[in-house]
Protein backbone atom coordinates (compact mmCIF):
# COMPACT_ATOMS: atom_id res chain seq x y z
CA UNK A 1 177.80 59.51 17.78
CA UNK A 2 180.45 57.16 19.17
CA UNK A 3 183.48 58.87 20.68
CA UNK A 4 186.90 57.88 22.00
CA UNK A 5 188.40 60.88 23.79
CA UNK A 6 192.20 61.01 23.80
CA UNK A 7 193.70 60.39 27.23
CA UNK A 8 195.54 63.73 27.15
CA UNK A 9 192.19 65.55 27.38
CA UNK A 10 190.61 63.49 30.15
CA UNK A 11 191.69 65.96 32.85
CA UNK A 12 190.15 68.95 31.05
CA UNK A 13 187.34 70.32 33.26
CA UNK A 14 184.84 70.49 30.39
CA UNK A 15 185.70 67.27 28.58
CA UNK A 16 182.85 65.21 30.03
CA UNK A 17 180.39 67.87 28.91
CA UNK A 18 181.93 68.02 25.44
CA UNK A 19 181.83 64.22 25.13
CA UNK A 20 178.15 64.14 26.10
CA UNK A 21 177.33 66.79 23.50
CA UNK A 22 179.23 64.91 20.79
CA UNK A 23 177.41 61.69 21.65
CA UNK A 24 174.02 63.43 21.35
CA UNK A 25 174.59 64.21 17.65
CA UNK A 26 172.94 61.72 15.25
CA UNK A 27 174.50 63.07 12.01
CA UNK A 28 171.06 63.96 10.55
CA UNK A 29 172.22 67.22 8.94
CA UNK A 30 169.04 69.19 9.64
CA UNK A 31 171.32 71.87 11.09
CA UNK A 32 172.94 72.62 7.75
CA UNK A 33 169.62 73.88 6.37
CA UNK A 34 169.60 76.81 8.81
CA UNK A 35 173.34 77.52 9.11
CA UNK A 36 174.17 80.93 7.55
CA UNK A 37 177.80 80.08 6.76
CA UNK A 38 176.95 76.72 5.20
CA UNK A 39 174.30 78.36 3.04
CA UNK A 40 176.78 81.02 1.98
CA UNK A 41 179.86 78.82 1.44
CA UNK A 42 178.41 75.37 0.71
CA UNK A 43 181.25 73.59 2.52
CA UNK A 44 180.36 70.80 4.97
CA UNK A 45 183.17 71.99 7.24
CA UNK A 46 181.50 75.41 7.40
CA UNK A 47 178.30 73.93 8.80
CA UNK A 48 177.49 72.62 12.28
CA UNK A 49 177.77 68.93 11.43
CA UNK A 50 181.17 69.36 9.81
CA UNK A 51 182.45 71.48 12.69
CA UNK A 52 181.24 68.87 15.17
CA UNK A 53 183.36 66.30 13.33
CA UNK A 54 186.36 68.66 13.42
CA UNK A 55 185.99 69.04 17.20
CA UNK A 56 185.53 65.29 17.57
CA UNK A 57 188.73 64.73 15.59
CA UNK A 58 190.55 67.19 17.85
CA UNK A 59 189.37 65.57 21.08
CA UNK A 60 190.17 62.08 19.82
CA UNK A 61 193.78 63.09 19.20
CA UNK A 62 193.56 63.29 15.43
CA UNK A 63 195.49 65.71 13.27
CA UNK A 64 194.15 69.25 13.25
CA UNK A 65 195.50 72.17 11.27
CA UNK A 66 195.10 75.87 10.72
CA UNK A 67 192.38 74.96 8.21
CA UNK A 68 190.42 73.27 10.98
CA UNK A 69 190.79 76.41 13.09
CA UNK A 70 189.65 78.55 10.16
CA UNK A 71 186.43 76.56 9.79
CA UNK A 72 185.73 76.94 13.51
CA UNK A 73 186.55 80.66 13.33
CA UNK A 74 184.00 81.09 10.55
CA UNK A 75 181.25 79.85 12.83
CA UNK A 76 179.08 82.77 13.99
CA UNK A 77 177.92 80.84 17.08
CA UNK A 78 174.46 82.11 16.10
CA UNK A 79 173.03 78.82 17.41
CA UNK A 80 170.39 78.63 14.70
CA UNK A 81 171.42 74.97 14.43
CA UNK A 82 170.32 74.43 18.04
CA UNK A 83 166.82 75.69 17.24
CA UNK A 84 166.66 73.29 14.30
CA UNK A 85 168.30 70.22 15.88
CA UNK A 86 165.79 67.45 16.75
CA UNK A 87 168.30 65.87 19.15
CA UNK A 88 168.96 68.95 21.25
CA UNK A 89 172.68 69.12 20.51
CA UNK A 90 174.17 72.07 22.44
CA UNK A 91 176.43 73.09 19.62
CA UNK A 92 177.26 76.57 20.95
CA UNK A 93 178.71 75.13 24.16
CA UNK A 94 180.66 72.50 22.23
CA UNK A 95 182.10 75.21 19.98
CA UNK A 96 183.29 77.21 23.00
CA UNK A 97 185.03 74.17 24.48
CA UNK A 98 186.54 73.04 21.17
CA UNK A 99 187.78 76.49 20.25
CA UNK A 100 189.33 76.93 23.69
CA UNK A 101 191.31 73.69 23.39
CA UNK A 102 192.32 74.38 19.81
CA UNK A 103 193.45 77.91 20.74
CA UNK A 104 196.06 76.44 23.07
CA UNK A 105 197.10 73.68 20.68
CA UNK A 106 197.48 75.75 17.50
CA UNK A 107 199.25 79.09 18.04
CA UNK A 108 197.94 81.88 15.83
CA UNK A 109 200.02 84.27 13.74
CA UNK A 110 201.37 87.33 15.58
CA UNK A 111 198.91 89.57 13.74
CA UNK A 112 195.91 87.45 14.74
CA UNK A 113 197.07 87.27 18.35
CA UNK A 114 197.52 91.04 18.48
CA UNK A 115 194.07 91.73 17.03
CA UNK A 116 192.34 89.39 19.44
CA UNK A 117 194.32 90.81 22.36
CA UNK A 118 193.33 94.36 21.40
CA UNK A 119 189.67 93.39 21.13
CA UNK A 120 189.80 91.92 24.64
CA UNK A 121 191.63 94.98 25.98
CA UNK A 122 189.26 97.56 24.46
CA UNK A 123 185.72 96.31 23.77
CA UNK A 124 184.85 95.11 27.31
CA UNK A 125 185.82 98.47 28.82
CA UNK A 126 183.45 101.32 28.01
CA UNK A 127 185.91 103.80 29.52
CA UNK A 128 188.49 102.78 26.91
CA UNK A 129 186.06 102.44 24.02
CA UNK A 130 184.31 105.78 24.55
CA UNK A 131 187.32 108.03 23.77
CA UNK A 132 188.13 105.93 20.72
CA UNK A 133 184.60 106.53 19.43
CA UNK A 134 185.06 110.26 20.03
CA UNK A 135 188.27 110.21 18.00
CA UNK A 136 186.53 108.20 15.28
CA UNK A 137 183.75 110.78 15.04
CA UNK A 138 186.27 113.60 14.79
CA UNK A 139 188.13 111.79 12.02
CA UNK A 140 184.98 110.65 10.24
CA UNK A 141 185.22 113.16 7.35
CA UNK A 142 188.71 111.87 6.57
CA UNK A 143 187.91 108.16 6.74
CA UNK A 144 187.01 105.92 3.79
CA UNK A 145 183.24 105.71 3.35
CA UNK A 146 182.97 102.08 4.47
CA UNK A 147 185.02 102.72 7.61
CA UNK A 148 183.26 105.99 8.43
CA UNK A 149 179.91 104.21 8.30
CA UNK A 150 181.04 101.93 11.14
CA UNK A 151 181.53 104.86 13.53
CA UNK A 152 178.23 105.43 15.38
CA UNK A 153 176.96 108.97 15.74
CA UNK A 154 176.98 110.53 19.19
CA UNK A 155 173.74 110.42 21.16
CA UNK A 156 172.48 113.41 23.13
CA UNK A 157 172.22 112.61 26.84
CA UNK A 158 168.76 111.53 27.97
CA UNK A 159 167.44 111.81 31.48
CA UNK A 160 167.35 108.80 33.77
CA UNK A 161 164.29 108.95 36.05
CA UNK A 162 164.82 109.31 39.78
CA UNK A 163 163.91 106.20 41.84
CA UNK A 164 160.36 106.41 43.17
CA UNK A 165 158.84 102.91 43.02
CA UNK A 166 158.71 99.97 45.40
CA UNK A 167 159.41 97.62 42.50
CA UNK A 168 163.13 97.76 41.69
CA UNK A 169 165.12 96.01 38.98
CA UNK A 170 168.83 96.16 38.18
CA UNK A 171 170.25 97.23 34.82
CA UNK A 172 173.33 95.85 33.11
CA UNK A 173 175.18 98.80 31.59
CA UNK A 174 177.40 96.53 29.54
CA UNK A 175 180.43 97.71 27.60
CA UNK A 176 179.92 98.57 23.91
CA UNK A 177 176.33 99.66 24.51
CA UNK A 178 177.34 101.93 27.39
CA UNK A 179 179.84 103.66 25.09
CA UNK A 180 178.06 103.65 21.71
CA UNK A 181 174.34 103.89 22.58
CA UNK A 182 174.19 104.92 26.24
CA UNK A 183 170.61 106.12 25.90
CA UNK A 184 169.24 102.63 25.38
CA UNK A 185 169.16 101.90 29.11
CA UNK A 186 168.00 105.46 29.87
CA UNK A 187 165.03 104.94 27.55
CA UNK A 188 164.36 101.54 29.14
CA UNK A 189 164.41 103.19 32.57
CA UNK A 190 161.86 105.81 31.47
CA UNK A 191 159.56 103.20 29.95
CA UNK A 192 159.73 101.00 33.06
CA UNK A 193 159.22 104.08 35.26
CA UNK A 194 155.85 104.66 33.55
CA UNK A 195 155.00 101.05 34.33
CA UNK A 196 155.75 101.49 38.03
CA UNK A 197 159.20 99.88 37.99
CA UNK A 198 162.44 101.55 39.02
CA UNK A 199 165.48 100.55 36.97
CA UNK A 200 168.65 100.90 39.02
CA UNK A 201 172.11 101.03 37.45
CA UNK A 202 174.96 99.19 39.17
CA UNK A 203 178.05 101.22 38.21
CA UNK A 204 180.48 98.53 39.37
CA UNK A 205 179.07 96.04 36.85
CA UNK A 206 180.38 96.10 33.29
CA UNK A 207 181.02 93.69 30.45
CA UNK A 208 179.06 90.46 30.78
CA UNK A 209 182.18 88.44 29.90
CA UNK A 210 181.06 87.35 26.44
CA UNK A 211 183.83 89.13 24.51
CA UNK A 212 186.63 87.34 26.36
CA UNK A 213 184.84 84.03 26.78
CA UNK A 214 183.95 83.67 23.11
CA UNK A 215 187.50 84.62 22.11
CA UNK A 216 188.64 81.56 24.09
CA UNK A 217 189.98 83.59 27.04
CA UNK A 218 187.72 81.61 29.35
CA UNK A 219 189.24 82.50 32.71
CA UNK A 220 189.23 86.16 31.79
CA UNK A 221 185.56 85.89 30.87
CA UNK A 222 184.79 84.17 34.18
CA UNK A 223 186.46 87.05 36.04
CA UNK A 224 184.08 89.51 34.35
CA UNK A 225 181.19 87.34 35.49
CA UNK A 226 182.44 87.28 39.08
CA UNK A 227 182.83 91.06 39.09
CA UNK A 228 179.23 91.54 37.95
CA UNK A 229 177.94 89.11 40.55
CA UNK A 230 179.80 91.03 43.24
CA UNK A 231 178.32 94.31 41.98
CA UNK A 232 174.76 93.00 41.89
CA UNK A 233 174.75 90.87 44.99
CA UNK A 234 174.07 93.59 47.60
CA UNK A 235 171.11 94.80 45.53
CA UNK A 236 169.81 91.26 45.13
CA UNK A 237 169.99 90.79 48.88
CA UNK A 238 168.11 94.08 49.27
CA UNK A 239 165.23 92.69 47.18
CA UNK A 240 165.89 93.58 43.54
CA UNK A 241 163.21 91.84 41.51
CA UNK A 242 165.25 91.10 38.38
CA UNK A 243 168.34 91.95 36.38
CA UNK A 244 167.11 93.62 33.19
CA UNK A 245 169.35 93.29 30.14
CA UNK A 246 168.58 95.35 27.05
CA UNK A 247 171.27 93.74 24.87
CA UNK A 248 170.27 90.18 24.02
CA UNK A 249 173.89 89.12 23.49
CA UNK A 250 174.67 90.04 27.09
CA UNK A 251 171.45 88.43 28.25
CA UNK A 252 172.41 85.13 26.68
CA UNK A 253 175.72 85.22 28.55
CA UNK A 254 174.28 86.22 31.94
CA UNK A 255 171.70 83.44 31.66
CA UNK A 256 174.68 81.04 31.51
CA UNK A 257 176.50 82.35 34.59
CA UNK A 258 175.11 79.50 36.66
CA UNK A 259 176.49 76.91 34.25
CA UNK A 260 179.83 78.60 33.62
CA UNK A 261 180.58 79.08 37.34
CA UNK A 262 179.09 75.79 38.55
CA UNK A 263 182.56 74.54 39.49
CA UNK A 264 183.49 77.62 41.52
CA UNK A 265 182.50 76.96 45.16
CA UNK A 266 182.67 80.66 46.03
CA UNK A 267 180.33 81.74 43.24
CA UNK A 268 178.28 78.73 42.13
CA UNK A 269 175.18 79.49 44.24
CA UNK A 270 175.31 83.21 43.56
CA UNK A 271 175.76 82.61 39.83
CA UNK A 272 172.70 80.35 39.70
CA UNK A 273 170.70 83.04 41.49
CA UNK A 274 171.89 85.73 39.09
CA UNK A 275 170.99 83.60 36.05
CA UNK A 276 167.55 82.95 37.51
CA UNK A 277 166.99 86.69 37.94
CA UNK A 278 168.26 87.67 34.47
CA UNK A 279 165.51 88.96 32.19
CA UNK A 280 165.64 90.26 28.66
CA UNK A 281 163.81 93.57 28.45
CA UNK A 282 161.10 91.94 26.34
CA UNK A 283 160.43 89.39 29.09
CA UNK A 284 159.68 92.22 31.50
CA UNK A 285 157.44 94.24 29.21
CA UNK A 286 155.35 91.36 27.92
CA UNK A 287 153.82 90.95 31.38
CA UNK A 288 153.07 94.64 31.97
CA UNK A 289 150.13 96.89 31.03
CA UNK A 290 151.42 98.64 27.93
CA UNK A 291 148.29 100.79 27.85
CA UNK A 292 150.06 103.03 30.36
CA UNK A 293 152.65 103.99 27.75
CA UNK A 294 152.59 106.63 25.03
CA UNK A 295 154.49 104.95 22.20
CA UNK A 296 156.51 107.07 19.80
CA UNK A 297 156.63 104.44 17.07
CA UNK A 298 153.04 104.59 15.79
CA UNK A 299 152.58 105.63 12.18
CA UNK A 300 155.99 104.49 10.94
CA UNK A 301 156.37 101.19 9.14
CA UNK A 302 158.94 99.17 11.05
CA UNK A 303 161.00 96.07 10.31
CA UNK A 304 162.07 94.03 13.32
CA UNK A 305 165.43 92.31 13.33
CA UNK A 306 165.39 89.50 15.89
CA UNK A 307 169.02 88.89 16.96
CA UNK A 308 170.30 85.32 17.03
CA UNK A 309 170.90 85.59 20.76
CA UNK A 310 167.27 86.57 21.33
CA UNK A 311 165.68 83.84 19.23
CA UNK A 312 168.15 80.95 19.42
CA UNK A 313 170.07 81.40 22.68
CA UNK A 314 167.23 82.87 24.78
CA UNK A 315 164.33 81.26 22.91
CA UNK A 316 162.37 84.54 22.75
CA UNK A 317 161.56 84.67 19.06
CA UNK A 318 158.51 86.82 18.34
CA UNK A 319 158.38 88.53 21.75
CA UNK A 320 159.50 91.95 20.55
CA UNK A 321 157.15 91.81 17.58
CA UNK A 322 154.22 90.95 19.86
CA UNK A 323 155.00 93.85 22.20
CA UNK A 324 155.28 96.34 19.35
CA UNK A 325 152.06 95.16 17.70
CA UNK A 326 150.33 95.48 21.07
CA UNK A 327 151.62 99.04 21.25
CA UNK A 328 150.18 99.80 17.81
CA UNK A 329 153.38 99.76 15.73
CA UNK A 330 152.94 98.68 12.09
CA UNK A 331 155.41 95.91 11.27
CA UNK A 332 156.60 94.91 7.82
CA UNK A 333 157.20 91.24 6.92
CA UNK A 334 160.77 89.91 7.14
CA UNK A 335 161.80 86.67 5.47
CA UNK A 336 164.56 84.36 6.69
CA UNK A 337 164.47 85.98 10.11
CA UNK A 338 166.40 83.03 11.56
CA UNK A 339 169.57 83.92 9.63
CA UNK A 340 172.35 85.95 11.27
CA UNK A 341 173.12 89.52 10.22
CA UNK A 342 176.86 88.84 10.45
CA UNK A 343 177.59 90.93 13.54
CA UNK A 344 177.99 88.08 16.05
CA UNK A 345 180.05 89.90 18.68
CA UNK A 346 183.57 90.34 17.32
CA UNK A 347 182.83 88.33 14.16
CA UNK A 348 182.33 91.43 11.98
CA UNK A 349 185.88 92.50 12.89
CA UNK A 350 187.54 89.08 12.64
CA UNK A 351 185.69 87.83 9.54
CA UNK A 352 184.86 91.08 7.70
CA UNK A 353 184.33 89.67 4.20
CA UNK A 354 181.89 86.95 5.19
CA UNK A 355 180.23 89.26 7.70
CA UNK A 356 179.50 91.79 4.96
CA UNK A 357 177.99 89.12 2.72
CA UNK A 358 175.66 88.09 5.52
CA UNK A 359 174.82 91.75 6.21
CA UNK A 360 173.83 92.27 2.58
CA UNK A 361 171.47 89.29 2.76
CA UNK A 362 169.95 90.51 6.02
CA UNK A 363 169.40 94.08 4.85
CA UNK A 364 167.74 92.82 1.67
CA UNK A 365 165.31 90.79 3.79
CA UNK A 366 164.68 93.62 6.27
CA UNK A 367 164.02 96.29 3.63
CA UNK A 368 161.90 94.17 1.28
CA UNK A 369 158.73 95.58 2.88
CA UNK A 370 159.90 99.18 2.50
CA UNK A 371 160.08 100.02 6.20
CA UNK A 372 160.79 103.53 7.42
CA UNK A 373 162.97 102.21 10.23
CA UNK A 374 164.56 99.01 11.53
CA UNK A 375 164.63 98.00 15.18
CA UNK A 376 166.65 95.32 16.92
CA UNK A 377 167.42 94.06 20.44
CA UNK A 378 171.22 93.85 20.51
CA UNK A 379 173.88 96.55 20.36
CA UNK A 380 176.24 94.65 18.04
CA UNK A 381 173.46 94.01 15.53
CA UNK A 382 172.28 97.61 15.82
CA UNK A 383 175.67 99.07 14.95
CA UNK A 384 176.32 96.48 12.22
CA UNK A 385 172.97 97.04 10.51
CA UNK A 386 173.24 100.83 10.85
CA UNK A 387 176.58 100.84 9.02
CA UNK A 388 174.81 100.13 5.72
CA UNK A 389 171.07 100.37 6.27
CA UNK A 390 169.18 102.86 4.07
CA UNK A 391 166.85 103.71 6.98
CA UNK A 392 167.45 104.51 10.68
CA UNK A 393 168.28 101.56 12.96
CA UNK A 394 167.21 101.77 16.62
CA UNK A 395 166.75 99.65 19.70
CA UNK A 396 163.11 98.59 19.81
CA UNK A 397 162.52 100.10 23.26
CA UNK A 398 162.88 103.57 21.71
CA UNK A 399 159.53 103.09 19.98
CA UNK A 400 157.77 102.93 23.35
CA UNK A 401 159.19 106.18 24.72
CA UNK A 402 157.48 109.44 23.65
CA UNK A 403 160.69 111.41 24.31
CA UNK A 404 162.77 109.38 21.83
């Protein structure tokens, strides 16, 4: 694709990267075949190719409007198009850059600004989110059915094993997961403990930065990244083997720390090291002897939901399924596994109508084989699916822990 970037954008720190991504697109349209919003809406501007043209128009100084922003907002950033693209177009990165520039150029309505500000002030902070969830549970009987279903039930506290192994890995507590499903990492710690690995929490680490960064508050997102690096760095220097991330959405972000902080001389080297050490939980378990475990998931038909971040951003499609089959879990078939469930970080809150349409499609695919439970690898997907699923929805690691 030929480009002619407007002179007013030439000083933008990411413009050369955006230009290179635009030039790599060959207009083939293969991406539209796997884009959930294009399949649902049938509008070229609601598919990757159309959005690429909208960003190109923006960066070349053409007229852009609130409609252009709406089409970019409707993008899930699921990155299914990247898996499909024969030219290797890094659409997700281009979308982040384009949205960031458009956010500054086209002011939103006061209501939209307030909602996005509240999301950035609450979701990344588990200490703020946790009491809101408690209030939501108390008010649940009074809430409309659809809203009540979105409030996750409280989890009883599970034990975290005491450190006793020479092999040590760090855990990312995260933000929403730490508040809504805090036992996910506790279960992961118990499973890894049986495999001879100690999982160590780093209390100073928190949100991976994805919430702010994907809402176009890029500097705010980078500050979250720097804080996590500072929290992990002493443990890395002490010999921590890896940073284990049980939420694939967070894993996708941490894997990009090296790229996002490449221009920061104080953090560039550390960020690259952190990204190199980042491991999705499935990447750790696939190389271990699972015969040492006593899985709890045998005997129950299970449907696996593979989050977009796991299969498209991290390129780990099929890993969870392989681990569960190896552990003896019976899996049901799931069609159109590449399509997004509609959670997509804050998408379910910012685009509720379209998100619910995508959720309906996903649940129909997941339950077609009559499973007794659904498992996934990302907290946002877990909560979104559980809000309407007819069967329990869990994190897949729970099936490998006999205490769960």
